[in-house]
């Protein structure tokens, strides 16, 4: 078991649209950044997302954010009206809507302790 206390370690948690996940993982790997990815669900459409957990020292944060920005572009999707029979009244809408999908939601968290076991 080793412990790294020599520099400030950050955890980047990036939630991206499933369509962007493959390209993001490839680019992170090409730049030698290690990431753990998990299938997640959320947002207005309750569509599939992918959540990346990327550990990094502070000096590489901006480079990683740039990779995320370049690979996870926001775009609009028009969704058709849904019947109240198919959904609960809570999420019912009766007209086509443009919804923003893609992009990324990113959290940068200070890591108190980092262990490799």
PDB file of N, CA and C in Angstrom:
ATOM      1  N   UNK A   1       0.854  -1.168   0.000  1.00  0.00           N
ATOM      2  CA  UNK A   1       0.000   0.000   0.000  1.00  0.00           C
ATOM      3  C   UNK A   1       0.896   1.226   0.000  1.00  0.00           C
ATOM      4  N   UNK A   2       0.636   2.151  -0.907  1.00  0.00           N
ATOM      5  CA  UNK A   2       1.434   3.379  -0.960  1.00  0.00           C
ATOM      6  C   UNK A   2       0.514   4.575  -0.817  1.00  0.00           C
ATOM      7  N   UNK A   3       1.081   5.623  -0.297  1.00  0.00           N
ATOM      8  CA  UNK A   3       0.314   6.843  -0.082  1.00  0.00           C
ATOM      9  C   UNK A   3       1.076   7.981  -0.730  1.00  0.00           C
ATOM     10  N   UNK A   4       0.362   8.840  -1.461  1.00  0.00           N
ATOM     11  CA  UNK A   4       0.977   9.968  -2.134  1.00  0.00           C
ATOM     12  C   UNK A   4       0.577  11.251  -1.429  1.00  0.00           C
ATOM     13  N   UNK A   5       1.553  11.900  -0.777  1.00  0.00           N
ATOM     14  CA  UNK A   5       1.289  13.175  -0.110  1.00  0.00           C
ATOM     15  C   UNK A   5       2.165  14.283  -0.681  1.00  0.00           C
ATOM     16  N   UNK A   6       2.875  13.982  -1.783  1.00  0.00           N
ATOM     17  CA  UNK A   6       3.840  14.941  -2.310  1.00  0.00           C
ATOM     18  C   UNK A   6       3.198  16.126  -3.016  1.00  0.00           C
ATOM     19  N   UNK A   7       1.982  15.972  -3.533  1.00  0.00           N
ATOM     20  CA  UNK A   7       1.334  17.070  -4.244  1.00  0.00           C
ATOM     21  C   UNK A   7      -0.172  17.017  -4.037  1.00  0.00           C
ATOM     22  N   UNK A   8      -0.829  18.094  -4.401  1.00  0.00           N
ATOM     23  CA  UNK A   8      -2.274  18.159  -4.256  1.00  0.00           C
ATOM     24  C   UNK A   8      -2.924  17.307  -5.333  1.00  0.00           C
ATOM     25  N   UNK A   9      -3.753  16.373  -4.902  1.00  0.00           N
ATOM     26  CA  UNK A   9      -4.460  15.493  -5.828  1.00  0.00           C
ATOM     27  C   UNK A   9      -5.908  15.958  -5.910  1.00  0.00           C
ATOM     28  N   UNK A  10      -6.436  15.963  -7.114  1.00  0.00           N
ATOM     29  CA  UNK A  10      -7.823  16.351  -7.373  1.00  0.00           C
ATOM     30  C   UNK A  10      -8.554  15.176  -7.996  1.00  0.00           C
ATOM     31  N   UNK A  11      -9.862  15.146  -7.792  1.00  0.00           N
ATOM     32  CA  UNK A  11     -10.719  14.183  -8.466  1.00  0.00           C
ATOM     33  C   UNK A  11     -11.664  14.971  -9.349  1.00  0.00           C
ATOM     34  N   UNK A  12     -11.611  14.680 -10.634  1.00  0.00           N
ATOM     35  CA  UNK A  12     -12.541  15.282 -11.582  1.00  0.00           C
ATOM     36  C   UNK A  12     -13.656  14.269 -11.807  1.00  0.00           C
ATOM     37  N   UNK A  13     -14.883  14.690 -11.551  1.00  0.00           N
ATOM     38  CA  UNK A  13     -16.059  13.875 -11.838  1.00  0.00           C
ATOM     39  C   UNK A  13     -16.770  14.569 -12.990  1.00  0.00           C
ATOM     40  N   UNK A  14     -16.797  13.915 -14.144  1.00  0.00           N
ATOM     41  CA  UNK A  14     -17.394  14.505 -15.343  1.00  0.00           C
ATOM     42  C   UNK A  14     -18.562  13.643 -15.802  1.00  0.00           C
ATOM     43  N   UNK A  15     -19.742  14.247 -15.883  1.00  0.00           N
ATOM     44  CA  UNK A  15     -20.935  13.547 -16.349  1.00  0.00           C
ATOM     45  C   UNK A  15     -21.180  13.996 -17.784  1.00  0.00           C
ATOM     46  N   UNK A  16     -21.117  13.040 -18.713  1.00  0.00           N
ATOM     47  CA  UNK A  16     -21.226  13.363 -20.137  1.00  0.00           C
ATOM     48  C   UNK A  16     -22.293  12.493 -20.788  1.00  0.00           C
ATOM     49  N   UNK A  17     -22.788  12.927 -21.941  1.00  0.00           N
ATOM     50  CA  UNK A  17     -23.767  12.166 -22.696  1.00  0.00           C
ATOM     51  C   UNK A  17     -23.100  10.897 -23.230  1.00  0.00           C
ATOM     52  N   UNK A  18     -23.861   9.806 -23.264  1.00  0.00           N
ATOM     53  CA  UNK A  18     -23.308   8.531 -23.744  1.00  0.00           C
ATOM     54  C   UNK A  18     -22.656   8.644 -25.119  1.00  0.00           C
ATOM     55  N   UNK A  19     -23.210   9.483 -25.997  1.00  0.00           N
ATOM     56  CA  UNK A  19     -22.667   9.610 -27.347  1.00  0.00           C
ATOM     57  C   UNK A  19     -21.260  10.213 -27.353  1.00  0.00           C
ATOM     58  N   UNK A  20     -20.889  10.923 -26.298  1.00  0.00           N
ATOM     59  CA  UNK A  20     -19.572  11.552 -26.222  1.00  0.00           C
ATOM     60  C   UNK A  20     -18.555  10.702 -25.462  1.00  0.00           C
ATOM     61  N   UNK A  21     -19.021   9.673 -24.767  1.00  0.00           N
ATOM     62  CA  UNK A  21     -18.163   8.933 -23.835  1.00  0.00           C
ATOM     63  C   UNK A  21     -17.005   8.219 -24.521  1.00  0.00           C
ATOM     64  N   UNK A  22     -17.256   7.566 -25.636  1.00  0.00           N
ATOM     65  CA  UNK A  22     -16.198   6.803 -26.305  1.00  0.00           C
ATOM     66  C   UNK A  22     -15.042   7.699 -26.743  1.00  0.00           C
ATOM     67  N   UNK A  23     -15.379   8.816 -27.409  1.00  0.00           N
ATOM     68  CA  UNK A  23     -14.329   9.728 -27.876  1.00  0.00           C
ATOM     69  C   UNK A  23     -13.558  10.347 -26.711  1.00  0.00           C
ATOM     70  N   UNK A  24     -14.275  10.667 -25.632  1.00  0.00           N
ATOM     71  CA  UNK A  24     -13.602  11.236 -24.464  1.00  0.00           C
ATOM     72  C   UNK A  24     -12.627  10.231 -23.868  1.00  0.00           C
ATOM     73  N   UNK A  25     -13.044   8.990 -23.695  1.00  0.00           N
ATOM     74  CA  UNK A  25     -12.161   7.974 -23.123  1.00  0.00           C
ATOM     75  C   UNK A  25     -10.940   7.743 -24.007  1.00  0.00           C
ATOM     76  N   UNK A  26     -11.137   7.706 -25.317  1.00  0.00           N
ATOM     77  CA  UNK A  26     -10.001   7.541 -26.235  1.00  0.00           C
ATOM     78  C   UNK A  26      -8.997   8.674 -26.091  1.00  0.00           C
ATOM     79  N   UNK A  27      -9.496   9.900 -26.051  1.00  0.00           N
ATOM     80  CA  UNK A  27      -8.605  11.058 -25.962  1.00  0.00           C
ATOM     81  C   UNK A  27      -7.879  11.096 -24.619  1.00  0.00           C
ATOM     82  N   UNK A  28      -8.574  10.773 -23.527  1.00  0.00           N
ATOM     83  CA  UNK A  28      -7.912  10.710 -22.222  1.00  0.00           C
ATOM     84  C   UNK A  28      -6.804   9.656 -22.240  1.00  0.00           C
ATOM     85  N   UNK A  29      -7.100   8.483 -22.811  1.00  0.00           N
ATOM     86  CA  UNK A  29      -6.088   7.427 -22.901  1.00  0.00           C
ATOM     87  C   UNK A  29      -4.915   7.841 -23.780  1.00  0.00           C
ATOM     88  N   UNK A  30      -5.201   8.520 -24.891  1.00  0.00           N
ATOM     89  CA  UNK A  30      -4.128   8.988 -25.783  1.00  0.00           C
ATOM     90  C   UNK A  30      -3.182   9.955 -25.085  1.00  0.00           C
ATOM     91  N   UNK A  31      -3.703  10.708 -24.125  1.00  0.00           N
ATOM     92  CA  UNK A  31      -2.895  11.686 -23.379  1.00  0.00           C
ATOM     93  C   UNK A  31      -2.385  11.099 -22.054  1.00  0.00           C
ATOM     94  N   UNK A  32      -2.541   9.783 -21.877  1.00  0.00           N
ATOM     95  CA  UNK A  32      -2.059   9.061 -20.690  1.00  0.00           C
ATOM     96  C   UNK A  32      -2.748   9.458 -19.391  1.00  0.00           C
ATOM     97  N   UNK A  33      -4.000   9.883 -19.472  1.00  0.00           N
ATOM     98  CA  UNK A  33      -4.786  10.118 -18.270  1.00  0.00           C
ATOM     99  C   UNK A  33      -5.639   8.887 -18.024  1.00  0.00           C
ATOM    100  N   UNK A  34      -5.647   8.430 -16.796  1.00  0.00           N
ATOM    101  CA  UNK A  34      -6.428   7.247 -16.424  1.00  0.00           C
ATOM    102  C   UNK A  34      -7.792   7.696 -15.910  1.00  0.00           C
ATOM    103  N   UNK A  35      -8.817   6.966 -16.310  1.00  0.00           N
ATOM    104  CA  UNK A  35     -10.174   7.318 -15.899  1.00  0.00           C
ATOM    105  C   UNK A  35     -10.968   6.053 -15.618  1.00  0.00           C
ATOM    106  N   UNK A  36     -11.873   6.167 -14.677  1.00  0.00           N
ATOM    107  CA  UNK A  36     -12.855   5.119 -14.429  1.00  0.00           C
ATOM    108  C   UNK A  36     -14.176   5.648 -14.960  1.00  0.00           C
ATOM    109  N   UNK A  37     -14.874   4.835 -15.745  1.00  0.00           N
ATOM    110  CA  UNK A  37     -16.158   5.288 -16.271  1.00  0.00           C
ATOM    111  C   UNK A  37     -17.264   4.375 -15.797  1.00  0.00           C
ATOM    112  N   UNK A  38     -18.403   5.016 -15.523  1.00  0.00           N
ATOM    113  CA  UNK A  38     -19.569   4.300 -15.015  1.00  0.00           C
ATOM    114  C   UNK A  38     -20.796   4.725 -15.815  1.00  0.00           C
ATOM    115  N   UNK A  39     -21.666   3.777 -16.088  1.00  0.00           N
ATOM    116  CA  UNK A  39     -22.934   4.095 -16.746  1.00  0.00           C
ATOM    117  C   UNK A  39     -23.865   4.710 -15.708  1.00  0.00           C
ATOM    118  N   UNK A  40     -24.448   5.867 -16.047  1.00  0.00           N
ATOM    119  CA  UNK A  40     -25.361   6.553 -15.149  1.00  0.00           C
ATOM    120  C   UNK A  40     -26.571   7.037 -15.943  1.00  0.00           C
ATOM    121  N   UNK A  41     -27.592   7.461 -15.243  1.00  0.00           N
ATOM    122  CA  UNK A  41     -28.812   7.960 -15.883  1.00  0.00           C
ATOM    123  C   UNK A  41     -29.243   9.233 -15.184  1.00  0.00           C
ATOM    124  N   UNK A  42     -29.779  10.168 -15.950  1.00  0.00           N
ATOM    125  CA  UNK A  42     -30.271  11.373 -15.312  1.00  0.00           C
ATOM    126  C   UNK A  42     -30.678  12.416 -16.319  1.00  0.00           C
ATOM    127  N   UNK A  43     -30.956  13.590 -15.837  1.00  0.00           N
ATOM    128  CA  UNK A  43     -31.344  14.696 -16.688  1.00  0.00           C
ATOM    129  C   UNK A  43     -32.826  14.666 -17.026  1.00  0.00           C
ATOM    130  N   UNK A  44     -33.259  15.663 -17.743  1.00  0.00           N
ATOM    131  CA  UNK A  44     -34.663  15.830 -18.098  1.00  0.00           C
ATOM    132  C   UNK A  44     -35.196  14.625 -18.865  1.00  0.00           C
ATOM    133  N   UNK A  45     -34.394  14.109 -19.813  1.00  0.00           N
ATOM    134  CA  UNK A  45     -34.856  13.004 -20.649  1.00  0.00           C
ATOM    135  C   UNK A  45     -34.612  11.641 -20.008  1.00  0.00           C
ATOM    136  N   UNK A  46     -33.919  11.633 -18.891  1.00  0.00           N
ATOM    137  CA  UNK A  46     -33.569  10.391 -18.203  1.00  0.00           C
ATOM    138  C   UNK A  46     -32.872   9.426 -19.146  1.00  0.00           C
ATOM    139  N   UNK A  47     -32.048   9.984 -20.022  1.00  0.00           N
ATOM    140  CA  UNK A  47     -31.268   9.183 -20.959  1.00  0.00           C
ATOM    141  C   UNK A  47     -29.971   8.755 -20.292  1.00  0.00           C
ATOM    142  N   UNK A  48     -29.289   7.848 -20.963  1.00  0.00           N
ATOM    143  CA  UNK A  48     -28.030   7.357 -20.450  1.00  0.00           C
ATOM    144  C   UNK A  48     -26.940   8.415 -20.476  1.00  0.00           C
ATOM    145  N   UNK A  49     -26.191   8.448 -19.408  1.00  0.00           N
ATOM    146  CA  UNK A  49     -25.003   9.285 -19.301  1.00  0.00           C
ATOM    147  C   UNK A  49     -23.844   8.374 -18.949  1.00  0.00           C
ATOM    148  N   UNK A  50     -22.665   8.908 -19.035  1.00  0.00           N
ATOM    149  CA  UNK A  50     -21.490   8.223 -18.545  1.00  0.00           C
ATOM    150  C   UNK A  50     -20.799   9.167 -17.580  1.00  0.00           C
ATOM    151  N   UNK A  51     -20.455   8.663 -16.411  1.00  0.00           N
ATOM    152  CA  UNK A  51     -19.744   9.455 -15.419  1.00  0.00           C
ATOM    153  C   UNK A  51     -18.302   8.981 -15.371  1.00  0.00           C
ATOM    154  N   UNK A  52     -17.394   9.923 -15.560  1.00  0.00           N
ATOM    155  CA  UNK A  52     -15.964   9.645 -15.510  1.00  0.00           C
ATOM    156  C   UNK A  52     -15.408  10.135 -14.184  1.00  0.00           C
ATOM    157  N   UNK A  53     -14.569   9.340 -13.573  1.00  0.00           N
ATOM    158  CA  UNK A  53     -13.802   9.756 -12.393  1.00  0.00           C
ATOM    159  C   UNK A  53     -12.341   9.744 -12.806  1.00  0.00           C
ATOM    160  N   UNK A  54     -11.723  10.928 -12.731  1.00  0.00           N
ATOM    161  CA  UNK A  54     -10.348  11.093 -13.206  1.00  0.00           C
ATOM    162  C   UNK A  54      -9.526  11.695 -12.083  1.00  0.00           C
ATOM    163  N   UNK A  55      -8.567  10.957 -11.599  1.00  0.00           N
ATOM    164  CA  UNK A  55      -7.663  11.475 -10.585  1.00  0.00           C
ATOM    165  C   UNK A  55      -6.488  12.164 -11.259  1.00  0.00           C
ATOM    166  N   UNK A  56      -6.082  13.303 -10.728  1.00  0.00           N
ATOM    167  CA  UNK A  56      -4.988  14.052 -11.343  1.00  0.00           C
ATOM    168  C   UNK A  56      -4.325  14.964 -10.331  1.00  0.00           C
ATOM    169  N   UNK A  57      -3.064  15.274 -10.607  1.00  0.00           N
ATOM    170  CA  UNK A  57      -2.431  16.331  -9.827  1.00  0.00           C
ATOM    171  C   UNK A  57      -2.947  17.664 -10.352  1.00  0.00           C
ATOM    172  N   UNK A  58      -2.801  18.674  -9.552  1.00  0.00           N
ATOM    173  CA  UNK A  58      -3.386  19.989  -9.855  1.00  0.00           C
ATOM    174  C   UNK A  58      -2.875  20.582 -11.168  1.00  0.00           C
ATOM    175  N   UNK A  59      -1.633  20.301 -11.513  1.00  0.00           N
ATOM    176  CA  UNK A  59      -1.052  20.919 -12.711  1.00  0.00           C
ATOM    177  C   UNK A  59      -1.664  20.426 -14.022  1.00  0.00           C
ATOM    178  N   UNK A  60      -2.380  19.297 -14.017  1.00  0.00           N
ATOM    179  CA  UNK A  60      -2.977  18.774 -15.245  1.00  0.00           C
ATOM    180  C   UNK A  60      -4.480  19.046 -15.370  1.00  0.00           C
ATOM    181  N   UNK A  61      -5.045  19.726 -14.409  1.00  0.00           N
ATOM    182  CA  UNK A  61      -6.493  19.963 -14.411  1.00  0.00           C
ATOM    183  C   UNK A  61      -6.947  20.705 -15.670  1.00  0.00           C
ATOM    184  N   UNK A  62      -6.280  21.775 -16.020  1.00  0.00           N
ATOM    185  CA  UNK A  62      -6.695  22.567 -17.186  1.00  0.00           C
ATOM    186  C   UNK A  62      -6.615  21.752 -18.474  1.00  0.00           C
ATOM    187  N   UNK A  63      -5.597  20.922 -18.610  1.00  0.00           N
ATOM    188  CA  UNK A  63      -5.464  20.080 -19.803  1.00  0.00           C
ATOM    189  C   UNK A  63      -6.618  19.071 -19.884  1.00  0.00           C
ATOM    190  N   UNK A  64      -6.966  18.470 -18.770  1.00  0.00           N
ATOM    191  CA  UNK A  64      -8.073  17.523 -18.744  1.00  0.00           C
ATOM    192  C   UNK A  64      -9.391  18.228 -19.055  1.00  0.00           C
ATOM    193  N   UNK A  65      -9.598  19.404 -18.482  1.00  0.00           N
ATOM    194  CA  UNK A  65     -10.825  20.163 -18.772  1.00  0.00           C
ATOM    195  C   UNK A  65     -10.923  20.512 -20.254  1.00  0.00           C
ATOM    196  N   UNK A  66      -9.812  20.828 -20.870  1.00  0.00           N
ATOM    197  CA  UNK A  66      -9.798  21.133 -22.305  1.00  0.00           C
ATOM    198  C   UNK A  66     -10.168  19.888 -23.125  1.00  0.00           C
ATOM    199  N   UNK A  67      -9.670  18.727 -22.730  1.00  0.00           N
ATOM    200  CA  UNK A  67     -10.023  17.476 -23.411  1.00  0.00           C
ATOM    201  C   UNK A  67     -11.524  17.223 -23.293  1.00  0.00           C
ATOM    202  N   UNK A  68     -12.068  17.427 -22.101  1.00  0.00           N
ATOM    203  CA  UNK A  68     -13.513  17.238 -21.900  1.00  0.00           C
ATOM    204  C   UNK A  68     -14.293  18.217 -22.776  1.00  0.00           C
ATOM    205  N   UNK A  69     -13.885  19.466 -22.769  1.00  0.00           N
ATOM    206  CA  UNK A  69     -14.574  20.502 -23.551  1.00  0.00           C
ATOM    207  C   UNK A  69     -14.551  20.172 -25.045  1.00  0.00           C
ATOM    208  N   UNK A  70     -13.428  19.697 -25.551  1.00  0.00           N
ATOM    209  CA  UNK A  70     -13.284  19.405 -26.979  1.00  0.00           C
ATOM    210  C   UNK A  70     -14.046  18.161 -27.415  1.00  0.00           C
ATOM    211  N   UNK A  71     -14.352  17.271 -26.496  1.00  0.00           N
ATOM    212  CA  UNK A  71     -14.985  16.008 -26.860  1.00  0.00           C
ATOM    213  C   UNK A  71     -16.443  15.895 -26.442  1.00  0.00           C
ATOM    214  N   UNK A  72     -16.956  16.859 -25.719  1.00  0.00           N
ATOM    215  CA  UNK A  72     -18.321  16.787 -25.201  1.00  0.00           C
ATOM    216  C   UNK A  72     -19.070  18.060 -25.551  1.00  0.00           C
ATOM    217  N   UNK A  73     -19.493  18.152 -26.780  1.00  0.00           N
ATOM    218  CA  UNK A  73     -20.165  19.349 -27.276  1.00  0.00           C
ATOM    219  C   UNK A  73     -21.661  19.311 -26.972  1.00  0.00           C
ATOM    220  N   UNK A  74     -22.187  20.427 -26.548  1.00  0.00           N
ATOM    221  CA  UNK A  74     -23.629  20.550 -26.328  1.00  0.00           C
ATOM    222  C   UNK A  74     -24.330  20.684 -27.673  1.00  0.00           C
ATOM    223  N   UNK A  75     -25.515  20.127 -27.770  1.00  0.00           N
ATOM    224  CA  UNK A  75     -26.317  20.219 -28.981  1.00  0.00           C
ATOM    225  C   UNK A  75     -27.786  20.154 -28.602  1.00  0.00           C
ATOM    226  N   UNK A  76     -28.654  20.531 -29.533  1.00  0.00           N
ATOM    227  CA  UNK A  76     -30.093  20.503 -29.265  1.00  0.00           C
ATOM    228  C   UNK A  76     -30.702  19.248 -29.880  1.00  0.00           C
ATOM    229  N   UNK A  77     -31.710  18.741 -29.201  1.00  0.00           N
ATOM    230  CA  UNK A  77     -32.467  17.598 -29.694  1.00  0.00           C
ATOM    231  C   UNK A  77     -33.937  17.965 -29.568  1.00  0.00           C
ATOM    232  N   UNK A  78     -34.705  17.742 -30.627  1.00  0.00           N
ATOM    233  CA  UNK A  78     -36.139  17.986 -30.578  1.00  0.00           C
ATOM    234  C   UNK A  78     -36.809  16.690 -30.160  1.00  0.00           C
ATOM    235  N   UNK A  79     -37.616  16.787 -29.123  1.00  0.00           N
ATOM    236  CA  UNK A  79     -38.317  15.605 -28.641  1.00  0.00           C
ATOM    237  C   UNK A  79     -39.803  15.759 -28.926  1.00  0.00           C
ATOM    238  N   UNK A  80     -40.408  14.651 -29.310  1.00  0.00           N
ATOM    239  CA  UNK A  80     -41.826  14.640 -29.666  1.00  0.00           C
ATOM    240  C   UNK A  80     -42.687  14.684 -28.404  1.00  0.00           C
ATOM    241  N   UNK A  81     -43.936  15.152 -28.538  1.00  0.00           N
ATOM    242  CA  UNK A  81     -44.840  15.165 -27.390  1.00  0.00           C
ATOM    243  C   UNK A  81     -45.080  13.747 -26.882  1.00  0.00           C
ATOM    244  N   UNK A  82     -45.303  13.635 -25.587  1.00  0.00           N
ATOM    245  CA  UNK A  82     -45.543  12.333 -24.983  1.00  0.00           C
ATOM    246  C   UNK A  82     -46.951  12.281 -24.404  1.00  0.00           C
ATOM    247  N   UNK A  83     -47.542  11.149 -24.508  1.00  0.00           N
ATOM    248  CA  UNK A  83     -48.892  10.927 -23.996  1.00  0.00           C
ATOM    249  C   UNK A  83     -48.855  10.789 -22.471  1.00  0.00           C
ATOM    250  N   UNK A  84     -49.874  11.310 -21.786  1.00  0.00           N
ATOM    251  CA  UNK A  84     -49.900  11.136 -20.330  1.00  0.00           C
ATOM    252  C   UNK A  84     -50.060   9.673 -19.937  1.00  0.00           C
ATOM    253  N   UNK A  85     -50.530   8.822 -20.861  1.00  0.00           N
ATOM    254  CA  UNK A  85     -50.661   7.397 -20.580  1.00  0.00           C
ATOM    255  C   UNK A  85     -49.273   6.760 -20.480  1.00  0.00           C
ATOM    256  N   UNK A  86     -48.350   7.217 -21.329  1.00  0.00           N
ATOM    257  CA  UNK A  86     -46.997   6.655 -21.360  1.00  0.00           C
ATOM    258  C   UNK A  86     -46.152   7.137 -20.194  1.00  0.00           C
ATOM    259  N   UNK A  87     -46.475   8.273 -19.645  1.00  0.00           N
ATOM    260  CA  UNK A  87     -45.679   8.865 -18.572  1.00  0.00           C
ATOM    261  C   UNK A  87     -46.571   9.324 -17.433  1.00  0.00           C
ATOM    262  N   UNK A  88     -45.965   9.606 -16.342  1.00  0.00           N
ATOM    263  CA  UNK A  88     -46.720  10.216 -15.250  1.00  0.00           C
ATOM    264  C   UNK A  88     -47.033  11.656 -15.632  1.00  0.00           C
ATOM    265  N   UNK A  89     -48.022  12.230 -15.027  1.00  0.00           N
ATOM    266  CA  UNK A  89     -48.390  13.614 -15.323  1.00  0.00           C
ATOM    267  C   UNK A  89     -47.256  14.574 -14.982  1.00  0.00           C
ATOM    268  N   UNK A  90     -46.395  14.168 -14.103  1.00  0.00           N
ATOM    269  CA  UNK A  90     -45.278  15.026 -13.686  1.00  0.00           C
ATOM    270  C   UNK A  90     -44.386  15.402 -14.861  1.00  0.00           C
ATOM    271  N   UNK A  91     -44.134  14.450 -15.780  1.00  0.00           N
ATOM    272  CA  UNK A  91     -43.238  14.733 -16.896  1.00  0.00           C
ATOM    273  C   UNK A  91     -43.987  14.858 -18.226  1.00  0.00           C
ATOM    274  N   UNK A  92     -45.274  15.027 -18.179  1.00  0.00           N
ATOM    275  CA  UNK A  92     -46.094  15.132 -19.382  1.00  0.00           C
ATOM    276  C   UNK A  92     -45.889  16.478 -20.067  1.00  0.00           C
ATOM    277  N   UNK A  93     -45.763  16.455 -21.382  1.00  0.00           N
ATOM    278  CA  UNK A  93     -45.742  17.677 -22.178  1.00  0.00           C
ATOM    279  C   UNK A  93     -46.457  17.375 -23.493  1.00  0.00           C
ATOM    280  N   UNK A  94     -47.152  18.374 -24.037  1.00  0.00           N
ATOM    281  CA  UNK A  94     -48.031  18.135 -25.182  1.00  0.00           C
ATOM    282  C   UNK A  94     -47.558  18.788 -26.477  1.00  0.00           C
ATOM    283  N   UNK A  95     -46.322  19.277 -26.507  1.00  0.00           N
ATOM    284  CA  UNK A  95     -45.829  19.922 -27.716  1.00  0.00           C
ATOM    285  C   UNK A  95     -44.349  19.557 -27.879  1.00  0.00           C
ATOM    286  N   UNK A  96     -43.846  19.585 -29.128  1.00  0.00           N
ATOM    287  CA  UNK A  96     -42.424  19.291 -29.328  1.00  0.00           C
ATOM    288  C   UNK A  96     -41.557  20.308 -28.573  1.00  0.00           C
ATOM    289  N   UNK A  97     -40.456  19.820 -28.059  1.00  0.00           N
ATOM    290  CA  UNK A  97     -39.557  20.688 -27.295  1.00  0.00           C
ATOM    291  C   UNK A  97     -38.130  20.500 -27.773  1.00  0.00           C
ATOM    292  N   UNK A  98     -37.365  21.594 -27.789  1.00  0.00           N
ATOM    293  CA  UNK A  98     -35.926  21.513 -28.014  1.00  0.00           C
ATOM    294  C   UNK A  98     -35.259  21.400 -26.657  1.00  0.00           C
ATOM    295  N   UNK A  99     -34.429  20.388 -26.506  1.00  0.00           N
ATOM    296  CA  UNK A  99     -33.748  20.141 -25.251  1.00  0.00           C
ATOM    297  C   UNK A  99     -32.248  20.103 -25.524  1.00  0.00           C
ATOM    298  N   UNK A 100     -31.473  20.747 -24.677  1.00  0.00           N
ATOM    299  CA  UNK A 100     -30.011  20.719 -24.801  1.00  0.00           C
ATOM    300  C   UNK A 100     -29.498  19.387 -24.273  1.00  0.00           C
ATOM    301  N   UNK A 101     -28.722  18.690 -25.095  1.00  0.00           N
ATOM    302  CA  UNK A 101     -28.075  17.457 -24.651  1.00  0.00           C
ATOM    303  C   UNK A 101     -26.580  17.589 -24.906  1.00  0.00           C
ATOM    304  N   UNK A 102     -25.829  16.688 -24.372  1.00  0.00           N
ATOM    305  CA  UNK A 102     -24.389  16.719 -24.559  1.00  0.00           C
ATOM    306  C   UNK A 102     -23.735  17.690 -23.601  1.00  0.00           C
ATOM    307  N   UNK A 103     -22.553  18.107 -23.951  1.00  0.00           N
ATOM    308  CA  UNK A 103     -21.783  18.936 -23.036  1.00  0.00           C
ATOM    309  C   UNK A 103     -21.305  18.087 -21.875  1.00  0.00           C
ATOM    310  N   UNK A 104     -20.961  18.711 -20.798  1.00  0.00           N
ATOM    311  CA  UNK A 104     -20.487  17.977 -19.624  1.00  0.00           C
ATOM    312  C   UNK A 104     -20.804  18.772 -18.370  1.00  0.00           C
ATOM    313  N   UNK A 105     -21.088  18.055 -17.312  1.00  0.00           N
ATOM    314  CA  UNK A 105     -21.173  18.643 -15.983  1.00  0.00           C
ATOM    315  C   UNK A 105     -19.959  18.129 -15.231  1.00  0.00           C
ATOM    316  N   UNK A 106     -19.143  19.053 -14.730  1.00  0.00           N
ATOM    317  CA  UNK A 106     -17.849  18.670 -14.158  1.00  0.00           C
ATOM    318  C   UNK A 106     -17.740  19.184 -12.727  1.00  0.00           C
ATOM    319  N   UNK A 107     -17.298  18.304 -11.844  1.00  0.00           N
ATOM    320  CA  UNK A 107     -16.994  18.652 -10.461  1.00  0.00           C
ATOM    321  C   UNK A 107     -15.516  18.394 -10.237  1.00  0.00           C
ATOM    322  N   UNK A 108     -14.845  19.322  -9.579  1.00  0.00           N
ATOM    323  CA  UNK A 108     -13.435  19.141  -9.221  1.00  0.00           C
ATOM    324  C   UNK A 108     -13.369  19.138  -7.705  1.00  0.00           C
ATOM    325  N   UNK A 109     -12.880  18.036  -7.172  1.00  0.00           N
ATOM    326  CA  UNK A 109     -12.933  17.797  -5.733  1.00  0.00           C
ATOM    327  C   UNK A 109     -11.511  17.620  -5.196  1.00  0.00           C
ATOM    328  N   UNK A 110     -11.219  18.255  -4.066  1.00  0.00           N
ATOM    329  CA  UNK A 110      -9.947  18.020  -3.391  1.00  0.00           C
ATOM    330  C   UNK A 110      -9.951  16.605  -2.819  1.00  0.00           C
ATOM    331  N   UNK A 111      -8.850  15.898  -3.000  1.00  0.00           N
ATOM    332  CA  UNK A 111      -8.717  14.547  -2.477  1.00  0.00           C
ATOM    333  C   UNK A 111      -7.888  14.622  -1.194  1.00  0.00           C
ATOM    334  N   UNK A 112      -8.502  14.212  -0.114  1.00  0.00           N
ATOM    335  CA  UNK A 112      -7.830  14.262   1.183  1.00  0.00           C
ATOM    336  C   UNK A 112      -6.730  13.221   1.295  1.00  0.00           C
ATOM    337  N   UNK A 113      -6.996  12.031   0.747  1.00  0.00           N
ATOM    338  CA  UNK A 113      -6.021  10.956   0.824  1.00  0.00           C
ATOM    339  C   UNK A 113      -6.118  10.125  -0.453  1.00  0.00           C
ATOM    340  N   UNK A 114      -4.963   9.700  -0.965  1.00  0.00           N
ATOM    341  CA  UNK A 114      -4.904   8.916  -2.185  1.00  0.00           C
ATOM    342  C   UNK A 114      -4.059   7.677  -1.904  1.00  0.00           C
ATOM    343  N   UNK A 115      -4.667   6.489  -2.060  1.00  0.00           N
ATOM    344  CA  UNK A 115      -3.982   5.236  -1.794  1.00  0.00           C
ATOM    345  C   UNK A 115      -4.038   4.335  -3.007  1.00  0.00           C
ATOM    346  N   UNK A 116      -2.945   3.623  -3.288  1.00  0.00           N
ATOM    347  CA  UNK A 116      -2.937   2.551  -4.281  1.00  0.00           C
ATOM    348  C   UNK A 116      -2.677   1.273  -3.517  1.00  0.00           C
ATOM    349  N   UNK A 117      -3.608   0.352  -3.579  1.00  0.00           N
ATOM    350  CA  UNK A 117      -3.490  -0.886  -2.796  1.00  0.00           C
ATOM    351  C   UNK A 117      -3.373  -2.085  -3.700  1.00  0.00           C
TER     352      UNK A 117
END
